[in-house]
Amino acid sequence: MTAAFIVAEVDAATPPLKISLASGSAIEQRKKEQIERLAAAYDLKKFTLTRDIRVEQGATPHSKPVLTLNGAFLDNDDLALSQYVHEQGHWVLGRRPRELRDLYRELTAAFPSIPTDYPQGSGGVQDSYFHLAVILLEWQALEDLIGPERALAVLTFKQTDHYTALYTLVLENRARLERIARRYGERW
């Protein structure tokens, strides 16, 4: 090992990630390199609940059983970072499973009849409501990592890309959602 590598290893706050590729395609390899670069450039320790990452070209990103990312946003690090913290945000919700029922009940009372069909929602009623908390966590993480202005730009883009009604609702109701999330310990 060179001295520079040892210093980088000591200074790096992001825990080592175990990144596997589904097929080893060029796109998957580029995504792996992007994640590794972002993990070296940003302190992701607070935002990394699972270190097992799978990259699968063409897959819909998902958090479990293994956090899976696709080849999207290879040319936009802010959006790639948002995809990473979004999926890690699902793991945050999983830390307090007993509170999820009450969180769901409060979210449905606070925001009745949200759109749940894709692309406005995430495809299911319960999943769409839980995505409100995940998107809030995503926004908070991005603010910590890249600053409020760039974080807002990411969420503004995403409200036109997918989960459009959910991103819009979070953007318009942040303070209310933060109060609800705090009651149930949903934070990084």
Protein backbone atom coordinates (compact mmCIF):
# COMPACT_ATOMS: atom_id res chain seq x y z
CA MET A 1 0.00 0.00 0.00
CA THR A 2 1.15 3.49 -0.70
CA ALA A 3 1.06 6.21 1.92
CA ALA A 4 -1.58 8.12 -0.06
CA PHE A 5 -3.87 5.09 -0.06
CA ILE A 6 -3.49 4.60 3.67
CA VAL A 7 -4.31 8.27 4.33
CA ALA A 8 -7.38 8.08 2.07
CA GLU A 9 -8.51 4.93 3.83
CA VAL A 10 -8.18 6.55 7.28
CA ASP A 11 -9.91 9.78 6.17
CA ALA A 12 -12.75 8.00 4.37
CA ALA A 13 -15.83 8.03 6.58
CA THR A 14 -18.00 5.96 4.25
CA PRO A 15 -17.84 2.32 5.29
CA PRO A 16 -16.49 -0.07 2.65
CA LEU A 17 -19.28 -1.02 0.28
CA LYS A 18 -19.75 -4.52 -1.13
CA ILE A 19 -20.85 -3.80 -4.68
CA SER A 20 -21.80 -6.68 -6.96
CA LEU A 21 -22.78 -6.50 -10.62
CA ALA A 22 -25.65 -8.51 -12.09
CA SER A 23 -24.08 -9.07 -15.50
CA GLY A 24 -20.84 -7.07 -15.52
CA SER A 25 -22.01 -4.90 -18.42
CA ALA A 26 -20.21 -1.66 -19.21
CA ILE A 27 -23.11 0.35 -17.75
CA GLU A 28 -23.06 -1.66 -14.52
CA GLN A 29 -19.30 -1.19 -14.27
CA ARG A 30 -19.67 2.57 -14.78
CA LYS A 31 -22.36 2.72 -12.07
CA LYS A 32 -20.11 0.79 -9.68
CA GLU A 33 -17.28 3.24 -10.36
CA GLN A 34 -19.66 6.17 -9.84
CA ILE A 35 -20.84 4.80 -6.48
CA GLU A 36 -17.27 4.19 -5.36
CA ARG A 37 -16.30 7.72 -6.42
CA LEU A 38 -19.27 9.23 -4.57
CA ALA A 39 -18.49 7.13 -1.49
CA ALA A 40 -14.95 8.50 -1.54
CA ALA A 41 -16.04 12.10 -2.17
CA TYR A 42 -18.84 12.28 0.42
CA ASP A 43 -19.16 11.13 4.00
CA LEU A 44 -21.92 8.55 3.53
CA LYS A 45 -21.46 6.79 6.86
CA LYS A 46 -24.61 8.32 8.35
CA PHE A 47 -26.57 7.43 5.20
CA THR A 48 -25.36 3.86 4.75
CA LEU A 49 -27.43 1.31 6.63
CA THR A 50 -26.63 -1.58 4.31
CA ARG A 51 -23.26 -1.96 2.64
CA ASP A 52 -24.46 -4.68 0.25
CA ILE A 53 -25.18 -3.00 -3.08
CA ARG A 54 -26.15 -4.68 -6.32
CA VAL A 55 -26.01 -2.92 -9.67
CA GLU A 56 -28.39 -4.31 -12.25
CA GLN A 57 -28.81 -2.58 -15.57
CA GLY A 58 -32.50 -2.05 -16.38
CA ALA A 59 -33.74 -2.99 -12.90
CA THR A 60 -36.10 -0.80 -10.94
CA PRO A 61 -34.07 0.43 -7.96
CA HIS A 62 -35.19 -1.17 -4.72
CA SER A 63 -33.93 -1.48 -1.19
CA LYS A 64 -34.55 -5.08 -0.18
CA PRO A 65 -33.58 -7.79 0.13
CA VAL A 66 -30.40 -6.32 -1.37
CA LEU A 67 -30.17 -2.62 -2.17
CA THR A 68 -30.25 -2.58 -5.97
CA LEU A 69 -29.39 0.35 -8.21
CA ASN A 70 -29.60 0.56 -11.98
CA GLY A 71 -27.57 2.40 -14.60
CA ALA A 72 -29.56 5.64 -14.37
CA PHE A 73 -27.95 9.02 -13.76
CA LEU A 74 -24.43 8.04 -14.81
CA ASP A 75 -23.87 11.60 -15.99
CA ASN A 76 -25.41 13.31 -12.95
CA ASP A 77 -23.78 12.63 -9.60
CA ASP A 78 -26.42 14.54 -7.63
CA LEU A 79 -29.20 12.34 -9.04
CA ALA A 80 -27.11 9.19 -8.55
CA LEU A 81 -26.48 10.20 -4.94
CA SER A 82 -30.21 10.77 -4.48
CA GLN A 83 -30.95 7.27 -5.76
CA TYR A 84 -28.45 5.84 -3.25
CA VAL A 85 -29.79 7.72 -0.21
CA HIS A 86 -33.40 7.11 -1.29
CA GLU A 87 -32.90 3.34 -1.22
CA GLN A 88 -30.97 3.57 2.05
CA GLY A 89 -33.91 5.60 3.41
CA HIS A 90 -36.10 2.51 3.11
CA TRP A 91 -33.71 0.80 5.52
CA VAL A 92 -34.24 3.66 8.00
CA LEU A 93 -37.97 2.87 8.05
CA GLY A 94 -37.12 -0.78 8.64
CA ARG A 95 -35.26 0.03 11.88
CA ARG A 96 -38.51 0.71 13.76
CA PRO A 97 -41.05 -1.78 12.41
CA ARG A 98 -43.44 -1.45 15.38
CA GLU A 99 -43.92 2.26 14.69
CA LEU A 100 -44.69 1.79 10.98
CA ARG A 101 -48.38 1.05 11.53
CA ASP A 102 -48.83 4.29 13.49
CA LEU A 103 -46.73 6.24 10.99
CA TYR A 104 -48.91 4.91 8.18
CA ARG A 105 -52.10 5.78 10.04
CA GLU A 106 -50.93 9.35 10.66
CA LEU A 107 -49.73 9.86 7.08
CA THR A 108 -53.05 8.65 5.67
CA ALA A 109 -54.96 10.95 8.03
CA ALA A 110 -52.75 13.93 7.20
CA PHE A 111 -52.78 13.35 3.43
CA PRO A 112 -55.90 11.39 2.47
CA SER A 113 -56.33 10.01 -1.01
CA ILE A 114 -52.87 10.62 -2.44
CA PRO A 115 -52.29 9.26 -5.95
CA THR A 116 -50.75 5.80 -5.70
CA ASP A 117 -50.63 4.59 -9.31
CA TYR A 118 -47.28 4.92 -11.04
CA PRO A 119 -45.85 7.40 -12.06
CA GLN A 120 -47.67 9.71 -9.62
CA GLY A 121 -47.30 7.19 -6.78
CA SER A 122 -45.16 4.14 -6.28
CA GLY A 123 -47.79 1.61 -7.38
CA GLY A 124 -49.32 0.64 -4.04
CA VAL A 125 -51.22 2.51 -1.35
CA GLN A 126 -49.08 1.64 1.69
CA ASP A 127 -45.85 1.87 -0.29
CA SER A 128 -46.79 5.32 -1.61
CA TYR A 129 -47.46 6.61 1.90
CA PHE A 130 -44.18 5.20 3.22
CA HIS A 131 -42.43 6.82 0.27
CA LEU A 132 -43.41 10.21 1.70
CA ALA A 133 -41.12 9.49 4.67
CA VAL A 134 -38.39 8.06 2.42
CA ILE A 135 -38.46 11.09 0.12
CA LEU A 136 -38.21 13.37 3.16
CA LEU A 137 -35.16 11.39 4.34
CA GLU A 138 -33.72 11.61 0.84
CA TRP A 139 -34.12 15.40 0.85
CA GLN A 140 -32.54 15.75 4.28
CA ALA A 141 -29.59 13.56 3.31
CA LEU A 142 -29.03 15.48 0.09
CA GLU A 143 -29.06 18.79 1.97
CA ASP A 144 -26.35 17.45 4.28
CA LEU A 145 -24.30 16.10 1.39
CA ILE A 146 -24.64 18.63 -1.44
CA GLY A 147 -26.38 21.61 0.13
CA PRO A 148 -29.97 22.92 0.12
CA GLU A 149 -29.90 24.47 -3.36
CA ARG A 150 -28.66 21.37 -5.21
CA ALA A 151 -30.89 19.12 -3.08
CA LEU A 152 -33.94 21.17 -4.04
CA ALA A 153 -32.94 20.97 -7.71
CA VAL A 154 -32.82 17.16 -7.47
CA LEU A 155 -36.26 16.90 -5.87
CA THR A 156 -37.69 19.40 -8.34
CA PHE A 157 -36.41 17.23 -11.20
CA LYS A 158 -37.74 14.05 -9.61
CA GLN A 159 -41.25 15.48 -9.30
CA THR A 160 -41.30 15.40 -13.11
CA ASP A 161 -39.61 12.00 -13.46
CA HIS A 162 -41.27 9.44 -11.16
CA TYR A 163 -43.41 9.36 -8.02
CA THR A 164 -44.40 12.79 -9.28
CA ALA A 165 -47.27 13.45 -6.86
CA LEU A 166 -45.24 12.12 -3.94
CA TYR A 167 -42.25 14.37 -4.60
CA THR A 168 -44.61 17.32 -5.08
CA LEU A 169 -46.41 16.58 -1.81
CA VAL A 170 -43.11 16.39 0.10
CA LEU A 171 -41.84 19.61 -1.49
CA GLU A 172 -45.05 21.40 -0.50
CA ASN A 173 -45.43 19.92 3.00
CA ARG A 174 -41.94 19.46 4.39
CA ALA A 175 -42.49 20.97 7.84
CA ARG A 176 -45.63 18.92 8.45
CA LEU A 177 -43.94 15.72 7.29
CA GLU A 178 -40.90 16.43 9.47
CA ARG A 179 -43.14 16.74 12.54
CA ILE A 180 -44.79 13.42 11.74
CA ALA A 181 -41.50 11.65 11.01
CA ARG A 182 -39.96 12.94 14.26
CA ARG A 183 -42.81 11.48 16.30
CA TYR A 184 -41.93 8.02 14.99
CA GLY A 185 -38.14 8.35 15.15
CA GLU A 186 -37.74 8.33 11.38
CA ARG A 187 -34.43 10.09 10.95
CA TRP A 188 -30.91 9.33 9.83
